[in-house]
Amino acid sequence: MDAVTVFIIMAFIFVMLLVCLIFGTIAGKRDRAHKIQKLELEARIEEAKAAQVSRGDQTQADLEDRMRVLERIVTDPGADLSRQIEDLRAETEARKEAAS
């Protein structure tokens, strides 16, 4: 083997290593970008789950508030008086219809 053949072989090996290094670098960048996007999506999913849970807690709190208002209305003496008046009106109307 003469010096030219050795030089050509070494140049070929160098070019092949350079090509492999370039493709490896490109593939590594794409892989890192993919992992970053995946982590961002997972973070968004977790945020959405947390928001959904907090909305569920808010809905439950709203329902409890409504229940308290209804309990106040039912136990309010003024509401009881209104109910008695309506019962008397219904009873009066029933007597008028029976008399007719």
N, C-alpha and C. Protein backbone atom coordinates (compact mmCIF):
# COMPACT_ATOMS: atom_id res chain seq x y z
N MET A 1 0.84 -1.16 0.00
CA MET A 1 0.00 0.00 0.00
C MET A 1 0.90 1.23 0.00
N ASP A 2 0.61 2.02 -0.90
CA ASP A 2 1.40 3.25 -0.98
C ASP A 2 0.70 4.35 -0.18
N ALA A 3 1.29 5.52 -0.09
CA ALA A 3 0.82 6.62 0.72
C ALA A 3 -0.50 7.18 0.20
N VAL A 4 -0.71 7.16 -1.09
CA VAL A 4 -1.95 7.69 -1.67
C VAL A 4 -3.14 6.82 -1.28
N THR A 5 -2.98 5.53 -1.32
CA THR A 5 -4.05 4.62 -0.95
C THR A 5 -4.39 4.77 0.53
N VAL A 6 -3.38 4.89 1.38
CA VAL A 6 -3.61 5.08 2.81
C VAL A 6 -4.33 6.40 3.03
N PHE A 7 -3.93 7.45 2.32
CA PHE A 7 -4.58 8.75 2.45
C PHE A 7 -6.04 8.68 2.03
N ILE A 8 -6.33 7.99 0.93
CA ILE A 8 -7.72 7.86 0.45
C ILE A 8 -8.56 7.08 1.46
N ILE A 9 -8.01 6.03 2.04
CA ILE A 9 -8.73 5.24 3.04
C ILE A 9 -9.01 6.10 4.27
N MET A 10 -7.99 6.83 4.72
CA MET A 10 -8.16 7.69 5.90
C MET A 10 -9.18 8.81 5.61
N ALA A 11 -9.15 9.37 4.42
CA ALA A 11 -10.10 10.41 4.04
C ALA A 11 -11.52 9.84 4.01
N PHE A 12 -11.68 8.65 3.48
CA PHE A 12 -12.99 7.99 3.43
C PHE A 12 -13.52 7.76 4.85
N ILE A 13 -12.65 7.26 5.73
CA ILE A 13 -13.06 7.02 7.12
C ILE A 13 -13.44 8.35 7.79
N PHE A 14 -12.66 9.40 7.55
CA PHE A 14 -12.95 10.71 8.12
C PHE A 14 -14.28 11.25 7.63
N VAL A 15 -14.55 11.11 6.32
CA VAL A 15 -15.82 11.58 5.76
C VAL A 15 -16.98 10.79 6.34
N MET A 16 -16.83 9.49 6.48
CA MET A 16 -17.90 8.66 7.04
C MET A 16 -18.17 9.05 8.51
N LEU A 17 -17.11 9.28 9.27
CA LEU A 17 -17.29 9.71 10.66
C LEU A 17 -17.98 11.07 10.73
N LEU A 18 -17.61 11.97 9.84
CA LEU A 18 -18.22 13.29 9.79
C LEU A 18 -19.70 13.20 9.45
N VAL A 19 -20.05 12.36 8.47
CA VAL A 19 -21.45 12.17 8.09
C VAL A 19 -22.24 11.58 9.28
N CYS A 20 -21.68 10.59 9.94
CA CYS A 20 -22.36 9.98 11.09
C CYS A 20 -22.54 11.00 12.22
N LEU A 21 -21.53 11.82 12.44
CA LEU A 21 -21.61 12.84 13.48
C LEU A 21 -22.70 13.87 13.16
N ILE A 22 -22.78 14.30 11.92
CA ILE A 22 -23.80 15.28 11.52
C ILE A 22 -25.20 14.69 11.69
N PHE A 23 -25.42 13.48 11.18
CA PHE A 23 -26.75 12.87 11.32
C PHE A 23 -27.09 12.59 12.79
N GLY A 24 -26.09 12.22 13.57
CA GLY A 24 -26.32 11.99 15.00
C GLY A 24 -26.72 13.27 15.72
N THR A 25 -26.08 14.37 15.35
CA THR A 25 -26.40 15.66 15.95
C THR A 25 -27.82 16.09 15.58
N ILE A 26 -28.17 15.93 14.32
CA ILE A 26 -29.53 16.28 13.87
C ILE A 26 -30.57 15.43 14.58
N ALA A 27 -30.31 14.13 14.65
CA ALA A 27 -31.26 13.22 15.31
C ALA A 27 -31.38 13.56 16.80
N GLY A 28 -30.26 13.92 17.44
CA GLY A 28 -30.29 14.28 18.85
C GLY A 28 -31.10 15.54 19.10
N LYS A 29 -30.96 16.54 18.22
CA LYS A 29 -31.74 17.77 18.37
C LYS A 29 -33.23 17.49 18.22
N ARG A 30 -33.57 16.67 17.23
CA ARG A 30 -34.99 16.35 17.03
C ARG A 30 -35.54 15.58 18.23
N ASP A 31 -34.73 14.68 18.78
CA ASP A 31 -35.17 13.91 19.93
C ASP A 31 -35.40 14.82 21.14
N ARG A 32 -34.47 15.75 21.38
CA ARG A 32 -34.64 16.69 22.49
C ARG A 32 -35.87 17.57 22.29
N ALA A 33 -36.08 18.04 21.06
CA ALA A 33 -37.27 18.86 20.78
C ALA A 33 -38.54 18.06 21.02
N HIS A 34 -38.53 16.80 20.64
CA HIS A 34 -39.70 15.94 20.85
C HIS A 34 -39.95 15.74 22.34
N LYS A 35 -38.90 15.52 23.11
CA LYS A 35 -39.07 15.33 24.55
C LYS A 35 -39.60 16.61 25.21
N ILE A 36 -39.12 17.76 24.77
CA ILE A 36 -39.61 19.03 25.32
C ILE A 36 -41.09 19.22 25.02
N GLN A 37 -41.49 18.93 23.77
CA GLN A 37 -42.91 19.05 23.41
C GLN A 37 -43.76 18.08 24.23
N LYS A 38 -43.25 16.89 24.43
CA LYS A 38 -43.98 15.89 25.21
C LYS A 38 -44.16 16.37 26.64
N LEU A 39 -43.11 16.92 27.25
CA LEU A 39 -43.22 17.45 28.61
C LEU A 39 -44.19 18.62 28.69
N GLU A 40 -44.18 19.50 27.68
CA GLU A 40 -45.11 20.63 27.67
C GLU A 40 -46.56 20.14 27.59
N LEU A 41 -46.79 19.14 26.74
CA LEU A 41 -48.15 18.60 26.63
C LEU A 41 -48.59 17.94 27.92
N GLU A 42 -47.69 17.21 28.56
CA GLU A 42 -48.03 16.58 29.83
C GLU A 42 -48.34 17.64 30.89
N ALA A 43 -47.59 18.75 30.88
CA ALA A 43 -47.86 19.83 31.83
C ALA A 43 -49.22 20.45 31.56
N ARG A 44 -49.56 20.64 30.28
CA ARG A 44 -50.89 21.18 29.95
C ARG A 44 -52.00 20.24 30.39
N ILE A 45 -51.78 18.96 30.22
CA ILE A 45 -52.79 17.98 30.64
C ILE A 45 -52.99 18.07 32.16
N GLU A 46 -51.89 18.16 32.90
CA GLU A 46 -52.00 18.27 34.36
C GLU A 46 -52.70 19.56 34.77
N GLU A 47 -52.41 20.65 34.06
CA GLU A 47 -53.09 21.92 34.36
C GLU A 47 -54.59 21.80 34.09
N ALA A 48 -54.93 21.14 32.99
CA ALA A 48 -56.35 20.96 32.66
C ALA A 48 -57.05 20.11 33.72
N LYS A 49 -56.36 19.06 34.18
CA LYS A 49 -56.95 18.22 35.22
C LYS A 49 -57.15 19.02 36.51
N ALA A 50 -56.16 19.82 36.87
CA ALA A 50 -56.27 20.63 38.08
C ALA A 50 -57.41 21.65 37.95
N ALA A 51 -57.54 22.24 36.77
CA ALA A 51 -58.63 23.20 36.55
C ALA A 51 -59.98 22.52 36.64
N GLN A 52 -60.06 21.31 36.11
CA GLN A 52 -61.32 20.57 36.14
C GLN A 52 -61.68 20.22 37.59
N VAL A 53 -60.70 19.83 38.37
CA VAL A 53 -60.95 19.51 39.78
C VAL A 53 -61.41 20.76 40.52
N SER A 54 -60.76 21.89 40.25
CA SER A 54 -61.16 23.12 40.95
C SER A 54 -62.55 23.56 40.52
N ARG A 55 -62.89 23.35 39.23
CA ARG A 55 -64.25 23.67 38.80
C ARG A 55 -65.25 22.76 39.49
N GLY A 56 -64.88 21.50 39.69
CA GLY A 56 -65.76 20.57 40.40
C GLY A 56 -65.97 21.00 41.83
N ASP A 57 -64.90 21.48 42.48
CA ASP A 57 -65.02 21.97 43.85
C ASP A 57 -65.91 23.21 43.88
N GLN A 58 -65.77 24.08 42.89
CA GLN A 58 -66.59 25.29 42.83
C GLN A 58 -68.06 24.92 42.63
N THR A 59 -68.33 23.93 41.79
CA THR A 59 -69.70 23.50 41.56
C THR A 59 -70.30 22.96 42.85
N GLN A 60 -69.53 22.19 43.59
CA GLN A 60 -70.02 21.66 44.84
C GLN A 60 -70.29 22.79 45.84
N ALA A 61 -69.41 23.77 45.86
CA ALA A 61 -69.62 24.91 46.76
C ALA A 61 -70.87 25.68 46.37
N ASP A 62 -71.10 25.84 45.06
CA ASP A 62 -72.32 26.52 44.61
C ASP A 62 -73.56 25.75 45.02
N LEU A 63 -73.53 24.44 44.88
CA LEU A 63 -74.67 23.63 45.28
C LEU A 63 -74.92 23.73 46.79
N GLU A 64 -73.86 23.74 47.58
CA GLU A 64 -74.03 23.88 49.02
C GLU A 64 -74.63 25.24 49.37
N ASP A 65 -74.19 26.28 48.67
CA ASP A 65 -74.77 27.61 48.91
C ASP A 65 -76.26 27.62 48.57
N ARG A 66 -76.62 27.02 47.46
CA ARG A 66 -78.04 26.96 47.08
C ARG A 66 -78.86 26.19 48.11
N MET A 67 -78.28 25.10 48.62
CA MET A 67 -78.98 24.30 49.62
C MET A 67 -79.21 25.12 50.89
N ARG A 68 -78.21 25.91 51.28
CA ARG A 68 -78.38 26.76 52.47
C ARG A 68 -79.51 27.78 52.26
N VAL A 69 -79.56 28.36 51.06
CA VAL A 69 -80.63 29.32 50.77
C VAL A 69 -81.99 28.65 50.83
N LEU A 70 -82.09 27.47 50.25
CA LEU A 70 -83.36 26.74 50.30
C LEU A 70 -83.74 26.40 51.73
N GLU A 71 -82.77 25.99 52.53
CA GLU A 71 -83.07 25.69 53.94
C GLU A 71 -83.57 26.95 54.66
N ARG A 72 -82.96 28.10 54.36
CA ARG A 72 -83.41 29.35 54.96
C ARG A 72 -84.83 29.68 54.55
N ILE A 73 -85.13 29.47 53.26
CA ILE A 73 -86.49 29.76 52.77
C ILE A 73 -87.51 28.86 53.44
N VAL A 74 -87.19 27.58 53.54
CA VAL A 74 -88.13 26.62 54.11
C VAL A 74 -88.34 26.88 55.59
N THR A 75 -87.29 27.24 56.31
CA THR A 75 -87.42 27.45 57.75
C THR A 75 -87.79 28.88 58.11
N ASP A 76 -87.92 29.77 57.14
CA ASP A 76 -88.28 31.17 57.39
C ASP A 76 -89.74 31.27 57.80
N PRO A 77 -90.04 31.92 58.93
CA PRO A 77 -91.43 32.04 59.37
C PRO A 77 -92.28 32.83 58.38
N GLY A 78 -91.69 33.80 57.69
CA GLY A 78 -92.43 34.56 56.69
C GLY A 78 -92.88 33.67 55.55
N ALA A 79 -92.05 32.74 55.17
CA ALA A 79 -92.43 31.82 54.10
C ALA A 79 -93.55 30.91 54.57
N ASP A 80 -93.52 30.53 55.83
CA ASP A 80 -94.59 29.70 56.39
C ASP A 80 -95.90 30.47 56.37
N LEU A 81 -95.85 31.74 56.69
CA LEU A 81 -97.05 32.57 56.66
C LEU A 81 -97.60 32.67 55.24
N SER A 82 -96.70 32.86 54.27
CA SER A 82 -97.14 32.93 52.87
C SER A 82 -97.79 31.61 52.46
N ARG A 83 -97.23 30.52 52.89
CA ARG A 83 -97.80 29.21 52.55
C ARG A 83 -99.19 29.05 53.17
N GLN A 84 -99.35 29.50 54.39
CA GLN A 84 -100.66 29.40 55.05
C GLN A 84 -101.69 30.26 54.33
N ILE A 85 -101.29 31.44 53.89
CA ILE A 85 -102.21 32.31 53.16
C ILE A 85 -102.63 31.65 51.86
N GLU A 86 -101.69 31.07 51.14
CA GLU A 86 -102.02 30.39 49.88
C GLU A 86 -102.94 29.19 50.14
N ASP A 87 -102.71 28.47 51.23
CA ASP A 87 -103.59 27.35 51.57
C ASP A 87 -105.01 27.84 51.85
N LEU A 88 -105.12 28.96 52.55
CA LEU A 88 -106.46 29.52 52.83
C LEU A 88 -107.16 29.95 51.54
N ARG A 89 -106.40 30.55 50.62
CA ARG A 89 -106.99 30.96 49.34
C ARG A 89 -107.48 29.73 48.57
N ALA A 90 -106.66 28.69 48.56
CA ALA A 90 -107.05 27.47 47.85
C ALA A 90 -108.28 26.84 48.50
N GLU A 91 -108.33 26.89 49.83
CA GLU A 91 -109.48 26.33 50.54
C GLU A 91 -110.73 27.14 50.24
N THR A 92 -110.64 28.46 50.18
CA THR A 92 -111.77 29.33 49.87
C THR A 92 -112.28 29.05 48.46
N GLU A 93 -111.35 28.92 47.51
CA GLU A 93 -111.75 28.62 46.13
C GLU A 93 -112.43 27.26 46.04
N ALA A 94 -111.94 26.29 46.82
CA ALA A 94 -112.55 24.96 46.80
C ALA A 94 -113.98 25.01 47.36
N ARG A 95 -114.22 25.83 48.39
CA ARG A 95 -115.55 25.98 48.97
C ARG A 95 -116.50 26.63 47.97
N LYS A 96 -115.98 27.65 47.23
CA LYS A 96 -116.82 28.32 46.23
C LYS A 96 -117.23 27.36 45.14
N GLU A 97 -116.28 26.50 44.70
CA GLU A 97 -116.59 25.54 43.65
C GLU A 97 -117.56 24.49 44.16
N ALA A 98 -117.43 24.11 45.43
CA ALA A 98 -118.35 23.10 45.99
C ALA A 98 -119.76 23.66 46.14
N ALA A 99 -119.84 24.96 46.43
CA ALA A 99 -121.14 25.60 46.60
C ALA A 99 -121.84 25.78 45.26
N SER A 100 -121.10 25.86 44.19
CA SER A 100 -121.71 26.12 42.90
C SER A 100 -122.43 24.94 42.35
